[in-house]
Amino acid sequence: MNLYDRGDFVTQATKDQCVSAAMQIMINVVRDEQDRAPRTQAVLARIANELSGAPDGGTEPRGWAAALSQLDFGAYRVSIAGSRSVAVRRAVIALRATGRPVGLLVWRGAHSWVLHGFRSTADPALTDDFAITGLYLTDPWYPRVSSIWGESRPPNALVAPAALAEDYLPWRRPSGPYPGQDGNFILVLPVGRDGG
C-alpha cells in the first residue's frame, strides 16, 4: 500500500518549516489536487505554531496534529511509543485503517518525515500476524544535506524498517525536558472514526 502520487512532494521553504512542509505533503497525499506553494506552507506553519502553545514559539507535535484536524484533513493525535518497533507497527496499522499518512518525529524530535505507505507480509486490516518489510517515506528536507544527519532520501523512498535506526531516534530536545515524550518515539497519527 502506498498513498503517494507524483507531485505530492514539497521541499520545506525554510530550514525551520519541516512540520508545515510535512503537513503540506500529507494534505497533498489526502487531496486530489496538489498545492506546492510556499505561501501555503507559511500559513500551515503559522496555524501549527499557534496550536502548539510552545513557550519558545516553535511547532510541537500537538500543533501538527491539531492543525491537520482543525483543517478538516481527518482527526490526528500525538502518539507516544516506548520502542521504535511499536511506533512503526502502530503507524502502519493507522495508515492502513484510515487511508491517511502518518507524521514521524525524527532526528530526536528535530525534524519531520511523512510515512505514506508500507510493504508487509500480510494485510494489517485483516490480521495481527504480519511483518513490516518496507516503509515508503518522504523527507521535506530533500534535496538538502544535513551537516549532522547526512544526505536526505528522495521523495517516496522505500526504506527497510531496520534502516530507521539511523534517523528515527528517541525524543530528546536540547531546549529542556519534555515529560512523557523524552526517551520515546513520537508519531502524529491519523485517527479513525472510532477514535482508534
C-alpha atoms as a PDB file:
ATOM      1  CA  MET A   1       0.000   0.000   0.000  1.00  0.00           C
ATOM      2  CA  ASN A   2       1.365   3.412  -0.942  1.00  0.00           C
ATOM      3  CA  LEU A   3      -0.748   6.584  -0.973  1.00  0.00           C
ATOM      4  CA  TYR A   4       1.908   8.747  -2.634  1.00  0.00           C
ATOM      5  CA  ASP A   5       1.379  10.238  -6.100  1.00  0.00           C
ATOM      6  CA  ARG A   6       3.939  12.036  -8.195  1.00  0.00           C
ATOM      7  CA  GLY A   7       3.628  15.717  -7.382  1.00  0.00           C
ATOM      8  CA  ASP A   8       2.714  15.286  -3.692  1.00  0.00           C
ATOM      9  CA  PHE A   9       6.219  16.312  -2.611  1.00  0.00           C
ATOM     10  CA  VAL A  10       7.159  19.806  -1.475  1.00  0.00           C
ATOM     11  CA  THR A  11      10.502  20.810  -0.051  1.00  0.00           C
ATOM     12  CA  GLN A  12      10.486  22.945   3.061  1.00  0.00           C
ATOM     13  CA  ALA A  13      10.658  26.616   2.158  1.00  0.00           C
ATOM     14  CA  THR A  14      12.898  27.495   5.112  1.00  0.00           C
ATOM     15  CA  LYS A  15      15.136  25.489   7.425  1.00  0.00           C
ATOM     16  CA  ASP A  16      12.530  25.851  10.182  1.00  0.00           C
ATOM     17  CA  GLN A  17       9.432  24.752   8.263  1.00  0.00           C
ATOM     18  CA  CYS A  18       9.795  20.975   8.328  1.00  0.00           C
ATOM     19  CA  VAL A  19       6.478  20.473  10.149  1.00  0.00           C
ATOM     20  CA  SER A  20       4.475  22.691   7.800  1.00  0.00           C
ATOM     21  CA  ALA A  21       6.181  21.122   4.767  1.00  0.00           C
ATOM     22  CA  ALA A  22       5.344  17.651   6.107  1.00  0.00           C
ATOM     23  CA  MET A  23       1.760  18.839   6.657  1.00  0.00           C
ATOM     24  CA  GLN A  24       1.615  20.136   3.076  1.00  0.00           C
ATOM     25  CA  ILE A  25       2.845  16.775   1.780  1.00  0.00           C
ATOM     26  CA  MET A  26       0.246  14.972   3.916  1.00  0.00           C
ATOM     27  CA  ILE A  27      -2.513  17.247   2.629  1.00  0.00           C
ATOM     28  CA  ASN A  28      -1.385  16.662  -0.967  1.00  0.00           C
ATOM     29  CA  VAL A  29      -1.497  12.909  -0.350  1.00  0.00           C
ATOM     30  CA  VAL A  30      -5.054  13.139   1.012  1.00  0.00           C
ATOM     31  CA  ARG A  31      -6.477  15.564  -1.570  1.00  0.00           C
ATOM     32  CA  ASP A  32      -6.895  15.057  -5.300  1.00  0.00           C
ATOM     33  CA  GLU A  33      -5.219  18.355  -6.196  1.00  0.00           C
ATOM     34  CA  GLN A  34      -1.685  19.257  -5.184  1.00  0.00           C
ATOM     35  CA  ASP A  35      -0.542  22.528  -3.648  1.00  0.00           C
ATOM     36  CA  ARG A  36       3.189  23.172  -3.567  1.00  0.00           C
ATOM     37  CA  ALA A  37       3.027  26.935  -2.909  1.00  0.00           C
ATOM     38  CA  PRO A  38       5.473  28.294  -0.317  1.00  0.00           C
ATOM     39  CA  ARG A  39       2.682  30.663   0.804  1.00  0.00           C
ATOM     40  CA  THR A  40       0.536  27.681   1.801  1.00  0.00           C
ATOM     41  CA  GLN A  41       3.436  26.257   3.785  1.00  0.00           C
ATOM     42  CA  ALA A  42       3.833  29.563   5.630  1.00  0.00           C
ATOM     43  CA  VAL A  43       0.115  29.592   6.514  1.00  0.00           C
ATOM     44  CA  LEU A  44       0.335  25.989   7.776  1.00  0.00           C
ATOM     45  CA  ALA A  45       3.393  26.929   9.856  1.00  0.00           C
ATOM     46  CA  ARG A  46       1.502  29.812  11.483  1.00  0.00           C
ATOM     47  CA  ILE A  47      -1.521  27.629  12.312  1.00  0.00           C
ATOM     48  CA  ALA A  48       0.595  24.781  13.708  1.00  0.00           C
ATOM     49  CA  ASN A  49       2.685  27.232  15.762  1.00  0.00           C
ATOM     50  CA  GLU A  50      -0.431  28.854  17.239  1.00  0.00           C
ATOM     51  CA  LEU A  51      -1.895  25.464  18.164  1.00  0.00           C
ATOM     52  CA  SER A  52       1.377  24.206  19.662  1.00  0.00           C
ATOM     53  CA  GLY A  53       1.435  26.528  22.631  1.00  0.00           C
ATOM     54  CA  ALA A  54       5.215  26.166  22.845  1.00  0.00           C
ATOM     55  CA  PRO A  55       6.916  28.695  25.143  1.00  0.00           C
ATOM     56  CA  ASP A  56       9.686  29.260  22.580  1.00  0.00           C
ATOM     57  CA  GLY A  57       7.203  29.785  19.706  1.00  0.00           C
ATOM     58  CA  GLY A  58       8.223  26.573  17.952  1.00  0.00           C
ATOM     59  CA  THR A  59       5.992  23.927  16.462  1.00  0.00           C
ATOM     60  CA  GLU A  60       5.281  20.938  18.664  1.00  0.00           C
ATOM     61  CA  PRO A  61       3.789  17.579  17.615  1.00  0.00           C
ATOM     62  CA  ARG A  62       0.472  18.548  19.214  1.00  0.00           C
ATOM     63  CA  GLY A  63       0.306  21.645  16.968  1.00  0.00           C
ATOM     64  CA  TRP A  64       0.935  19.470  13.911  1.00  0.00           C
ATOM     65  CA  ALA A  65      -1.851  17.052  14.896  1.00  0.00           C
ATOM     66  CA  ALA A  66      -4.269  19.799  15.928  1.00  0.00           C
ATOM     67  CA  ALA A  67      -3.733  21.772  12.709  1.00  0.00           C
ATOM     68  CA  LEU A  68      -4.461  18.796  10.438  1.00  0.00           C
ATOM     69  CA  SER A  69      -7.571  18.010  12.482  1.00  0.00           C
ATOM     70  CA  GLN A  70      -8.768  21.626  12.532  1.00  0.00           C
ATOM     71  CA  LEU A  71      -8.247  21.998   8.779  1.00  0.00           C
ATOM     72  CA  ASP A  72     -10.561  19.001   8.139  1.00  0.00           C
ATOM     73  CA  PHE A  73      -7.974  16.552   6.843  1.00  0.00           C
ATOM     74  CA  GLY A  74      -9.212  13.950   9.299  1.00  0.00           C
ATOM     75  CA  ALA A  75      -8.574  13.610  13.002  1.00  0.00           C
ATOM     76  CA  TYR A  76      -4.963  13.270  14.145  1.00  0.00           C
ATOM     77  CA  ARG A  77      -3.401  12.776  17.573  1.00  0.00           C
ATOM     78  CA  VAL A  78       0.079  12.584  19.029  1.00  0.00           C
ATOM     79  CA  SER A  79       1.088   9.013  19.808  1.00  0.00           C
ATOM     80  CA  ILE A  80       3.985   8.104  22.102  1.00  0.00           C
ATOM     81  CA  ALA A  81       5.608   4.677  21.894  1.00  0.00           C
ATOM     82  CA  GLY A  82       8.292   3.182  24.096  1.00  0.00           C
ATOM     83  CA  SER A  83      10.097   1.487  21.200  1.00  0.00           C
ATOM     84  CA  ARG A  84      10.706   2.091  17.512  1.00  0.00           C
ATOM     85  CA  SER A  85       9.129  -1.234  16.539  1.00  0.00           C
ATOM     86  CA  VAL A  86       5.922  -0.448  18.460  1.00  0.00           C
ATOM     87  CA  ALA A  87       5.784   3.039  16.897  1.00  0.00           C
ATOM     88  CA  VAL A  88       6.263   1.724  13.355  1.00  0.00           C
ATOM     89  CA  ARG A  89       3.688  -1.027  13.796  1.00  0.00           C
ATOM     90  CA  ARG A  90       1.212   1.478  15.250  1.00  0.00           C
ATOM     91  CA  ALA A  91       1.881   3.818  12.299  1.00  0.00           C
ATOM     92  CA  VAL A  92       1.299   1.114   9.688  1.00  0.00           C
ATOM     93  CA  ILE A  93      -1.935  -0.061  11.337  1.00  0.00           C
ATOM     94  CA  ALA A  94      -3.260   3.525  11.490  1.00  0.00           C
ATOM     95  CA  LEU A  95      -2.246   4.267   7.896  1.00  0.00           C
ATOM     96  CA  ARG A  96      -3.989   1.120   6.660  1.00  0.00           C
ATOM     97  CA  ALA A  97      -7.114   1.718   8.776  1.00  0.00           C
ATOM     98  CA  THR A  98      -7.599   5.380   7.835  1.00  0.00           C
ATOM     99  CA  GLY A  99      -6.036   5.670   4.381  1.00  0.00           C
ATOM    100  CA  ARG A 100      -4.165   8.761   5.600  1.00  0.00           C
ATOM    101  CA  PRO A 101      -0.424   9.390   6.099  1.00  0.00           C
ATOM    102  CA  VAL A 102       1.457   9.444   9.400  1.00  0.00           C
ATOM    103  CA  GLY A 103       3.948  12.007  10.694  1.00  0.00           C
ATOM    104  CA  LEU A 104       7.228  10.804  12.221  1.00  0.00           C
ATOM    105  CA  LEU A 105       9.348  12.977  14.508  1.00  0.00           C
ATOM    106  CA  VAL A 106      12.893  12.002  13.539  1.00  0.00           C
ATOM    107  CA  TRP A 107      16.374  13.241  14.482  1.00  0.00           C
ATOM    108  CA  ARG A 108      15.426  13.118  18.199  1.00  0.00           C
ATOM    109  CA  GLY A 109      12.408  15.337  17.519  1.00  0.00           C
ATOM    110  CA  ALA A 110      14.267  17.973  15.492  1.00  0.00           C
ATOM    111  CA  HIS A 111      12.765  17.025  12.110  1.00  0.00           C
ATOM    112  CA  SER A 112       9.616  15.694  10.456  1.00  0.00           C
ATOM    113  CA  TRP A 113       9.015  12.954   7.904  1.00  0.00           C
ATOM    114  CA  VAL A 114       5.871  11.607   6.271  1.00  0.00           C
ATOM    115  CA  LEU A 115       5.071   7.881   6.193  1.00  0.00           C
ATOM    116  CA  HIS A 116       2.589   7.273   3.381  1.00  0.00           C
ATOM    117  CA  GLY A 117       2.999   3.611   2.526  1.00  0.00           C
ATOM    118  CA  PHE A 118       4.350   0.244   3.539  1.00  0.00           C
ATOM    119  CA  ARG A 119       5.020  -3.320   2.467  1.00  0.00           C
ATOM    120  CA  SER A 120       4.128  -6.207   4.734  1.00  0.00           C
ATOM    121  CA  THR A 121       3.778  -9.967   4.730  1.00  0.00           C
ATOM    122  CA  ALA A 122       0.011  -9.710   5.283  1.00  0.00           C
ATOM    123  CA  ASP A 123      -2.696  -7.035   5.349  1.00  0.00           C
ATOM    124  CA  PRO A 124      -2.788  -5.308   8.775  1.00  0.00           C
ATOM    125  CA  ALA A 125      -6.532  -4.745   8.287  1.00  0.00           C
ATOM    126  CA  LEU A 126      -7.112  -8.498   8.213  1.00  0.00           C
ATOM    127  CA  THR A 127      -4.660  -9.916  10.736  1.00  0.00           C
ATOM    128  CA  ASP A 128      -2.301  -9.066  13.579  1.00  0.00           C
ATOM    129  CA  ASP A 129       0.102 -11.684  12.237  1.00  0.00           C
ATOM    130  CA  PHE A 130       2.175  -9.595   9.832  1.00  0.00           C
ATOM    131  CA  ALA A 131       5.735  -8.341   9.486  1.00  0.00           C
ATOM    132  CA  ILE A 132       6.616  -4.967   8.001  1.00  0.00           C
ATOM    133  CA  THR A 133       9.162  -5.354   5.200  1.00  0.00           C
ATOM    134  CA  GLY A 134       9.363  -1.804   3.859  1.00  0.00           C
ATOM    135  CA  LEU A 135       8.230   1.756   4.523  1.00  0.00           C
ATOM    136  CA  TYR A 136       7.535   4.488   1.962  1.00  0.00           C
ATOM    137  CA  LEU A 137       8.800   7.776   3.408  1.00  0.00           C
ATOM    138  CA  THR A 138       9.164  11.350   2.239  1.00  0.00           C
ATOM    139  CA  ASP A 139      11.569  13.840   3.815  1.00  0.00           C
ATOM    140  CA  PRO A 140      10.729  17.528   3.198  1.00  0.00           C
ATOM    141  CA  TRP A 141      14.426  18.402   3.752  1.00  0.00           C
ATOM    142  CA  TYR A 142      15.258  16.841   0.339  1.00  0.00           C
ATOM    143  CA  PRO A 143      17.388  17.661  -1.671  1.00  0.00           C
ATOM    144  CA  ARG A 144      19.436  19.257   1.088  1.00  0.00           C
ATOM    145  CA  VAL A 145      22.194  17.616   3.104  1.00  0.00           C
ATOM    146  CA  SER A 146      22.291  17.880   6.892  1.00  0.00           C
ATOM    147  CA  SER A 147      25.677  18.551   8.432  1.00  0.00           C
ATOM    148  CA  ILE A 148      24.660  16.195  11.267  1.00  0.00           C
ATOM    149  CA  TRP A 149      22.378  13.607   9.650  1.00  0.00           C
ATOM    150  CA  GLY A 150      23.760  13.484   6.108  1.00  0.00           C
ATOM    151  CA  GLU A 151      22.032  13.273   2.753  1.00  0.00           C
ATOM    152  CA  SER A 152      18.231  13.295   2.593  1.00  0.00           C
ATOM    153  CA  ARG A 153      16.381  10.450   0.955  1.00  0.00           C
ATOM    154  CA  PRO A 154      14.424  11.374  -2.188  1.00  0.00           C
ATOM    155  CA  PRO A 155      10.623  11.564  -2.060  1.00  0.00           C
ATOM    156  CA  ASN A 156       8.729   8.268  -1.869  1.00  0.00           C
ATOM    157  CA  ALA A 157      11.817   6.355  -0.732  1.00  0.00           C
ATOM    158  CA  LEU A 158      11.325   2.692   0.145  1.00  0.00           C
ATOM    159  CA  VAL A 159      13.211   2.120   3.392  1.00  0.00           C
ATOM    160  CA  ALA A 160      13.831  -1.111   5.300  1.00  0.00           C
ATOM    161  CA  PRO A 161      12.429  -0.856   8.850  1.00  0.00           C
ATOM    162  CA  ALA A 162      15.884  -1.589  10.320  1.00  0.00           C
ATOM    163  CA  ALA A 163      17.310   1.461   8.499  1.00  0.00           C
ATOM    164  CA  LEU A 164      15.073   3.744  10.588  1.00  0.00           C
ATOM    165  CA  ALA A 165      17.520   3.254  13.471  1.00  0.00           C
ATOM    166  CA  GLU A 166      19.764   5.859  11.793  1.00  0.00           C
ATOM    167  CA  ASP A 167      17.191   8.664  11.967  1.00  0.00           C
ATOM    168  CA  TYR A 168      14.101   7.713  13.971  1.00  0.00           C
ATOM    169  CA  LEU A 169      15.564   8.046  17.441  1.00  0.00           C
ATOM    170  CA  PRO A 170      14.023   8.620  20.874  1.00  0.00           C
ATOM    171  CA  TRP A 171      12.835  12.179  21.502  1.00  0.00           C
ATOM    172  CA  ARG A 172      15.394  14.375  23.246  1.00  0.00           C
ATOM    173  CA  ARG A 173      15.402  18.127  22.718  1.00  0.00           C
ATOM    174  CA  PRO A 174      18.233  20.405  23.852  1.00  0.00           C
ATOM    175  CA  SER A 175      15.715  23.085  24.882  1.00  0.00           C
ATOM    176  CA  GLY A 176      14.818  21.143  28.015  1.00  0.00           C
ATOM    177  CA  PRO A 177      12.750  18.254  29.334  1.00  0.00           C
ATOM    178  CA  TYR A 178       9.511  17.070  27.749  1.00  0.00           C
ATOM    179  CA  PRO A 179       7.807  14.903  30.377  1.00  0.00           C
ATOM    180  CA  GLY A 180       6.213  11.868  28.752  1.00  0.00           C
ATOM    181  CA  GLN A 181       7.996  12.381  25.429  1.00  0.00           C
ATOM    182  CA  ASP A 182      11.677  12.195  26.402  1.00  0.00           C
ATOM    183  CA  GLY A 183      13.170   8.834  25.509  1.00  0.00           C
ATOM    184  CA  ASN A 184      10.111   7.795  23.467  1.00  0.00           C
ATOM    185  CA  PHE A 185       9.210   7.612  19.782  1.00  0.00           C
ATOM    186  CA  ILE A 186       6.721  10.268  18.689  1.00  0.00           C
ATOM    187  CA  LEU A 187       4.137   9.977  15.898  1.00  0.00           C
ATOM    188  CA  VAL A 188       1.415  12.215  14.506  1.00  0.00           C
ATOM    189  CA  LEU A 189      -1.169   9.517  13.924  1.00  0.00           C
ATOM    190  CA  PRO A 190      -4.393   9.569  11.899  1.00  0.00           C
ATOM    191  CA  VAL A 191      -7.384   8.548  13.988  1.00  0.00           C
ATOM    192  CA  GLY A 192     -10.362   6.572  12.711  1.00  0.00           C
ATOM    193  CA  ARG A 193     -13.994   7.391  13.354  1.00  0.00           C
ATOM    194  CA  ASP A 194     -13.959   5.195  16.454  1.00  0.00           C
ATOM    195  CA  GLY A 195     -11.054   7.233  17.898  1.00  0.00           C
ATOM    196  CA  GLY A 196      -8.524   4.431  17.413  1.00  0.00           C
END
